[in-house]
Amino acid sequence: MSQAQLLPTDYFSDTEVIGREDHLRLHLNENPYGAPPGAIAAVHSEADNHLNCYPDSECRELLAALATHFDVPADMITVGNGTDELVLLTSMTFLRSPDSSVAITETTFPGYLLSARSVGAEPRTVPLRDAAVPADGIAAALRDGVDLAWVCNPLNPTGTALSATDIELLMDTAEETGAVLVLDEAYMDFAGPEHDVALAAVRSGRRVLVTRTFSKAWGLASVRVGVVMGPRDLVSRIKETGSALPFNVTRSAQRAVLSALARPAYVDRVREANREARDLLCKSLESLGVEYVPSVTNFVFLTTPEDHPDLAARLATEHRILVRDLTAFGLPGKLRISVGTRADVERLTTAMTEVLRH
């Protein structure tokens, strides 16, 4: 069954988080290394001195800093309360007609499907190919008349990334058809410069939207800041939709990101630590005979051994380790495991060894 058939309305329920703080959290792709130096102090300072004050609804200082960081003009950028809000605002902006349709891969981040449903748009799902986004399949959907296409790159939940040639195909097709193409790059900070090609296209004037987040590699998931960059006319339309939420990015969130952006080397260190821990996790899976897909992100997509279909449940109940069962993604028998630190990988390996041997 497809994700569209399976996804429950309470997919994001907090029942798997609240009350389980003593568990090892390898199910939400969080940064285990914490926030960048200075970000916590910035949040504390805002709370101490300005808790009674509204934030700057235009996020002017933040947009200026983002423009410098991404080398994109400030009027080609807007921000939101996490990428989740930007996904909804983008759907509300470009899927307004009664017969609107949106292309998404059959298995991906659930927010695309939920936002399409919320505005009454028709989702057209494209099956994955070899655990990756089929660029030609998305291009075919664009030619077939969809208004909007969401492409998660690198792909959640498999960790694979599109080639520069694939991205060029998608941009060419979107420009030919007039559809809006969005590349959600929530995990690009882990993938590294060799995969970072879409922002260069934005800078050169290509008609594509690119989203980034400070919730993953930057370690600021709690404060909620997402970014979308692209052509001025498209970004301004998203801003207009979002004007109904004038204070959506809090003072503390703006301060935390400003502090983080002053320390860009932090993400480089996180990327390297994640790569080392990911390599260790993959070697451990190989030693256990568990099939997995090579990843460029901070998570690994694997197949549950046939004789242990309850692997995720047993890791939680017997070892207090939370991993993502992908049944709700339309992928029964598959798991997504966040990489964590080397110590986390060693703990997970010990637990998996015990479960798989008994």
Foldseek 3Di string as FASTA:
>chain_A
DFLLVQADPCNVPCPVPPPLVVFAEFAPQFQQVAADPPLVVLLVVCVVPPVVHFDQLQLVVLLVLVCVLLVHDSLQKDKFQAVLVLLLLLCVLFQQDQAAEEEEARFAPCSNVVSCVVNNYHYDHHYADPLARDLVRQLVVLVVPHQEYEAEAVTPPAQDGDAPVSVVSNLVSCVVRVHEYEYEDQFVLLLDDNRPDVSVCQRVQGRYKYKYGCRHLNNPVPQGMMMIGHDSVSSVSSVVSCVVPSRRRGPSNSSSVVVSSVPVVSSVVSSVQLVVLVVVLVVLCVVVVWAWHDHSGQKIKTFAPPVCQCLQVCCCPVPSYHWAQCVSSVDRRMTITGRHGNVVSVSVSVSSVVRVVD
